[in-house]
N, C-alpha and C. Protein backbone atom coordinates (compact mmCIF):
# COMPACT_ATOMS: atom_id res chain seq x y z
N MET A 1 63.92 -77.19 -11.46
CA MET A 1 64.12 -77.53 -10.07
C MET A 1 62.81 -77.31 -9.31
N THR A 2 62.53 -78.20 -8.42
CA THR A 2 61.32 -78.09 -7.61
C THR A 2 61.61 -77.31 -6.33
N ILE A 3 60.55 -76.94 -5.65
CA ILE A 3 60.69 -76.26 -4.36
C ILE A 3 61.41 -77.17 -3.37
N ALA A 4 61.08 -78.45 -3.38
CA ALA A 4 61.73 -79.41 -2.47
C ALA A 4 63.23 -79.49 -2.77
N GLU A 5 63.60 -79.52 -4.02
CA GLU A 5 65.02 -79.56 -4.38
C GLU A 5 65.71 -78.27 -3.95
N PHE A 6 65.02 -77.15 -4.13
CA PHE A 6 65.57 -75.86 -3.69
C PHE A 6 65.81 -75.87 -2.18
N ARG A 7 64.83 -76.33 -1.44
CA ARG A 7 64.96 -76.37 0.03
C ARG A 7 66.12 -77.26 0.47
N ALA A 8 66.41 -78.29 -0.31
CA ALA A 8 67.47 -79.25 0.05
C ALA A 8 68.87 -78.75 -0.30
N MET A 9 68.96 -77.64 -0.99
CA MET A 9 70.28 -77.13 -1.37
C MET A 9 71.00 -76.57 -0.16
N ARG A 10 72.30 -76.34 -0.33
CA ARG A 10 73.12 -75.71 0.70
C ARG A 10 73.30 -74.24 0.37
N ALA A 11 73.52 -73.42 1.37
CA ALA A 11 73.70 -71.98 1.16
C ALA A 11 74.83 -71.69 0.20
N ASP A 12 75.91 -72.47 0.26
CA ASP A 12 77.06 -72.18 -0.61
C ASP A 12 76.81 -72.53 -2.08
N GLU A 13 75.65 -73.09 -2.38
CA GLU A 13 75.28 -73.40 -3.75
C GLU A 13 74.42 -72.29 -4.37
N LEU A 14 74.11 -71.27 -3.59
CA LEU A 14 73.16 -70.23 -4.01
C LEU A 14 73.77 -68.84 -3.88
N SER A 15 73.13 -67.90 -4.57
CA SER A 15 73.53 -66.50 -4.44
C SER A 15 72.32 -65.62 -4.71
N GLY A 16 72.46 -64.36 -4.41
CA GLY A 16 71.45 -63.37 -4.72
C GLY A 16 70.08 -63.68 -4.14
N VAL A 17 69.09 -63.47 -5.00
CA VAL A 17 67.69 -63.62 -4.58
C VAL A 17 67.42 -65.00 -4.00
N LEU A 18 67.92 -66.02 -4.66
CA LEU A 18 67.66 -67.38 -4.18
C LEU A 18 68.31 -67.63 -2.82
N LEU A 19 69.47 -67.06 -2.60
CA LEU A 19 70.11 -67.21 -1.29
C LEU A 19 69.28 -66.53 -0.21
N ALA A 20 68.79 -65.33 -0.48
CA ALA A 20 67.95 -64.64 0.49
C ALA A 20 66.70 -65.45 0.80
N LEU A 21 66.07 -65.97 -0.23
CA LEU A 21 64.86 -66.78 -0.03
C LEU A 21 65.18 -68.08 0.70
N TRP A 22 66.33 -68.66 0.40
CA TRP A 22 66.73 -69.90 1.08
C TRP A 22 66.90 -69.64 2.58
N TRP A 23 67.61 -68.54 2.93
CA TRP A 23 67.79 -68.24 4.35
C TRP A 23 66.45 -68.02 5.03
N ASP A 24 65.54 -67.32 4.35
CA ASP A 24 64.23 -67.13 4.95
C ASP A 24 63.52 -68.47 5.14
N GLY A 25 63.65 -69.33 4.16
CA GLY A 25 63.05 -70.67 4.26
C GLY A 25 63.64 -71.50 5.39
N GLN A 26 64.86 -71.15 5.79
CA GLN A 26 65.51 -71.83 6.92
C GLN A 26 65.13 -71.20 8.25
N GLY A 27 64.32 -70.15 8.19
CA GLY A 27 63.89 -69.48 9.41
C GLY A 27 64.84 -68.39 9.89
N ASP A 28 65.77 -67.96 9.02
CA ASP A 28 66.74 -66.94 9.42
C ASP A 28 66.42 -65.63 8.68
N TRP A 29 65.42 -64.90 9.20
CA TRP A 29 65.00 -63.65 8.58
C TRP A 29 66.14 -62.65 8.49
N ASP A 30 66.95 -62.54 9.55
CA ASP A 30 68.04 -61.56 9.57
C ASP A 30 69.04 -61.80 8.44
N ARG A 31 69.45 -63.03 8.27
CA ARG A 31 70.39 -63.33 7.17
C ARG A 31 69.74 -63.08 5.83
N ALA A 32 68.48 -63.48 5.69
CA ALA A 32 67.76 -63.25 4.45
C ALA A 32 67.72 -61.76 4.13
N HIS A 33 67.45 -60.95 5.13
CA HIS A 33 67.38 -59.50 4.93
C HIS A 33 68.74 -58.92 4.59
N GLU A 34 69.79 -59.40 5.24
CA GLU A 34 71.15 -58.94 4.92
C GLU A 34 71.46 -59.18 3.45
N VAL A 35 71.14 -60.36 2.97
CA VAL A 35 71.39 -60.69 1.56
C VAL A 35 70.52 -59.83 0.66
N ALA A 36 69.24 -59.71 0.98
CA ALA A 36 68.30 -58.97 0.13
C ALA A 36 68.71 -57.51 -0.02
N GLN A 37 69.27 -56.93 1.00
CA GLN A 37 69.69 -55.53 0.94
C GLN A 37 70.76 -55.28 -0.11
N GLU A 38 71.48 -56.32 -0.47
CA GLU A 38 72.59 -56.18 -1.42
C GLU A 38 72.20 -56.53 -2.86
N ILE A 39 70.95 -56.89 -3.08
CA ILE A 39 70.51 -57.34 -4.41
C ILE A 39 69.87 -56.17 -5.16
N PRO A 40 70.49 -55.75 -6.26
CA PRO A 40 69.89 -54.66 -7.03
C PRO A 40 68.72 -55.16 -7.89
N GLY A 41 67.94 -54.24 -8.37
CA GLY A 41 66.90 -54.57 -9.35
C GLY A 41 65.58 -54.96 -8.72
N THR A 42 64.66 -55.27 -9.61
CA THR A 42 63.29 -55.53 -9.18
C THR A 42 63.14 -56.84 -8.41
N ASP A 43 63.93 -57.85 -8.74
CA ASP A 43 63.83 -59.11 -7.98
C ASP A 43 64.28 -58.91 -6.54
N GLY A 44 65.37 -58.18 -6.36
CA GLY A 44 65.83 -57.88 -5.01
C GLY A 44 64.80 -57.08 -4.24
N ALA A 45 64.16 -56.12 -4.92
CA ALA A 45 63.12 -55.31 -4.27
C ALA A 45 61.93 -56.18 -3.89
N TRP A 46 61.58 -57.14 -4.75
CA TRP A 46 60.45 -58.03 -4.46
C TRP A 46 60.70 -58.85 -3.19
N VAL A 47 61.89 -59.43 -3.11
CA VAL A 47 62.23 -60.22 -1.92
C VAL A 47 62.28 -59.32 -0.69
N HIS A 48 62.84 -58.13 -0.85
CA HIS A 48 62.92 -57.18 0.24
C HIS A 48 61.51 -56.83 0.73
N ALA A 49 60.59 -56.62 -0.22
CA ALA A 49 59.20 -56.32 0.13
C ALA A 49 58.57 -57.45 0.92
N TYR A 50 58.75 -58.67 0.43
CA TYR A 50 58.20 -59.85 1.11
C TYR A 50 58.74 -59.93 2.55
N LEU A 51 60.04 -59.73 2.70
CA LEU A 51 60.65 -59.84 4.02
C LEU A 51 60.10 -58.79 4.98
N HIS A 52 59.91 -57.56 4.50
CA HIS A 52 59.36 -56.53 5.39
C HIS A 52 57.89 -56.78 5.71
N ARG A 53 57.16 -57.36 4.76
CA ARG A 53 55.78 -57.74 5.07
C ARG A 53 55.77 -58.82 6.14
N LYS A 54 56.67 -59.77 6.00
CA LYS A 54 56.76 -60.85 7.00
C LYS A 54 57.12 -60.28 8.37
N GLU A 55 57.97 -59.27 8.37
CA GLU A 55 58.39 -58.63 9.61
C GLU A 55 57.24 -57.85 10.25
N GLY A 56 56.27 -57.48 9.42
CA GLY A 56 55.15 -56.69 9.92
C GLY A 56 55.29 -55.21 9.65
N ASP A 57 56.34 -54.80 8.93
CA ASP A 57 56.58 -53.40 8.58
C ASP A 57 55.93 -53.14 7.23
N LEU A 58 54.62 -52.94 7.25
CA LEU A 58 53.85 -52.84 6.01
C LEU A 58 54.14 -51.59 5.21
N GLY A 59 54.48 -50.50 5.88
CA GLY A 59 54.85 -49.28 5.16
C GLY A 59 56.11 -49.48 4.34
N ASN A 60 57.12 -50.07 4.96
CA ASN A 60 58.38 -50.36 4.27
C ASN A 60 58.14 -51.40 3.17
N ALA A 61 57.34 -52.40 3.45
CA ALA A 61 57.03 -53.42 2.44
C ALA A 61 56.36 -52.78 1.24
N SER A 62 55.44 -51.87 1.48
CA SER A 62 54.74 -51.20 0.38
C SER A 62 55.71 -50.44 -0.52
N TYR A 63 56.67 -49.77 0.09
CA TYR A 63 57.70 -49.07 -0.68
C TYR A 63 58.45 -50.05 -1.59
N TRP A 64 58.86 -51.19 -1.03
CA TRP A 64 59.66 -52.14 -1.80
C TRP A 64 58.83 -52.84 -2.87
N TYR A 65 57.54 -53.09 -2.61
CA TYR A 65 56.68 -53.63 -3.67
C TYR A 65 56.62 -52.64 -4.83
N SER A 66 56.53 -51.37 -4.51
CA SER A 66 56.51 -50.33 -5.54
C SER A 66 57.80 -50.36 -6.35
N GLN A 67 58.93 -50.48 -5.67
CA GLN A 67 60.22 -50.54 -6.35
C GLN A 67 60.33 -51.78 -7.24
N ALA A 68 59.65 -52.83 -6.84
CA ALA A 68 59.66 -54.08 -7.60
C ALA A 68 58.67 -54.06 -8.76
N GLY A 69 57.79 -53.06 -8.78
CA GLY A 69 56.76 -53.02 -9.81
C GLY A 69 55.70 -54.08 -9.60
N ARG A 70 55.48 -54.42 -8.35
CA ARG A 70 54.52 -55.47 -7.97
C ARG A 70 53.43 -54.89 -7.09
N PRO A 71 52.23 -55.46 -7.17
CA PRO A 71 51.20 -55.03 -6.23
C PRO A 71 51.55 -55.49 -4.82
N VAL A 72 51.09 -54.74 -3.84
CA VAL A 72 51.32 -55.12 -2.45
C VAL A 72 50.59 -56.43 -2.18
N ALA A 73 51.33 -57.41 -1.71
CA ALA A 73 50.75 -58.72 -1.41
C ALA A 73 49.97 -58.65 -0.10
N SER A 74 48.96 -59.50 0.00
CA SER A 74 48.19 -59.53 1.23
C SER A 74 47.80 -60.95 1.64
N GLY A 75 48.15 -61.91 0.83
CA GLY A 75 47.79 -63.29 1.12
C GLY A 75 48.74 -63.95 2.10
N ASP A 76 48.68 -65.24 2.13
CA ASP A 76 49.51 -66.05 3.01
C ASP A 76 51.00 -65.87 2.68
N LEU A 77 51.81 -65.64 3.69
CA LEU A 77 53.24 -65.43 3.49
C LEU A 77 53.92 -66.65 2.88
N ALA A 78 53.54 -67.84 3.31
CA ALA A 78 54.14 -69.06 2.75
C ALA A 78 53.83 -69.19 1.27
N ASP A 79 52.64 -68.81 0.88
CA ASP A 79 52.27 -68.85 -0.54
C ASP A 79 53.08 -67.83 -1.33
N GLU A 80 53.30 -66.65 -0.76
CA GLU A 80 54.09 -65.65 -1.46
C GLU A 80 55.53 -66.12 -1.60
N TRP A 81 56.10 -66.67 -0.55
CA TRP A 81 57.48 -67.19 -0.61
C TRP A 81 57.58 -68.20 -1.74
N GLN A 82 56.64 -69.14 -1.78
CA GLN A 82 56.67 -70.18 -2.80
C GLN A 82 56.52 -69.58 -4.20
N ALA A 83 55.67 -68.59 -4.35
CA ALA A 83 55.47 -67.95 -5.66
C ALA A 83 56.74 -67.25 -6.13
N ILE A 84 57.42 -66.56 -5.22
CA ILE A 84 58.67 -65.88 -5.59
C ILE A 84 59.72 -66.91 -5.99
N VAL A 85 59.90 -67.92 -5.15
CA VAL A 85 60.89 -68.97 -5.45
C VAL A 85 60.58 -69.61 -6.80
N SER A 86 59.34 -69.99 -7.00
CA SER A 86 58.95 -70.66 -8.25
C SER A 86 59.25 -69.79 -9.46
N GLU A 87 58.90 -68.51 -9.38
CA GLU A 87 59.15 -67.63 -10.52
C GLU A 87 60.64 -67.49 -10.80
N ILE A 88 61.43 -67.28 -9.76
CA ILE A 88 62.87 -67.12 -9.94
C ILE A 88 63.49 -68.40 -10.49
N LEU A 89 63.06 -69.55 -9.98
CA LEU A 89 63.61 -70.82 -10.46
C LEU A 89 63.29 -71.06 -11.93
N THR A 90 62.15 -70.59 -12.42
CA THR A 90 61.82 -70.80 -13.83
C THR A 90 62.75 -70.02 -14.74
N ARG A 91 63.42 -69.02 -14.21
CA ARG A 91 64.34 -68.21 -15.01
C ARG A 91 65.76 -68.76 -15.03
N ARG A 92 66.03 -69.76 -14.23
CA ARG A 92 67.40 -70.32 -14.16
C ARG A 92 67.70 -71.23 -15.31
């Protein structure tokens, strides 16, 4: 699946990490964060980290990157979103 196909999906077609990322891609940070809080494991932590970095809460983001086993990101947020989506989609 491509990023464009992912963006064209409906919320009811997704769950977990992809649903959180989809909501963020729709511009709904709050919904994305609500979903991310309920996702266990390193993928959930990675999305949670990205969301807190986007929010500007770098201390909280750093904690979640650590939980995800990922280095703290510092590049463009759109690039990070796309990288997370792409990696998760390759596992489907």
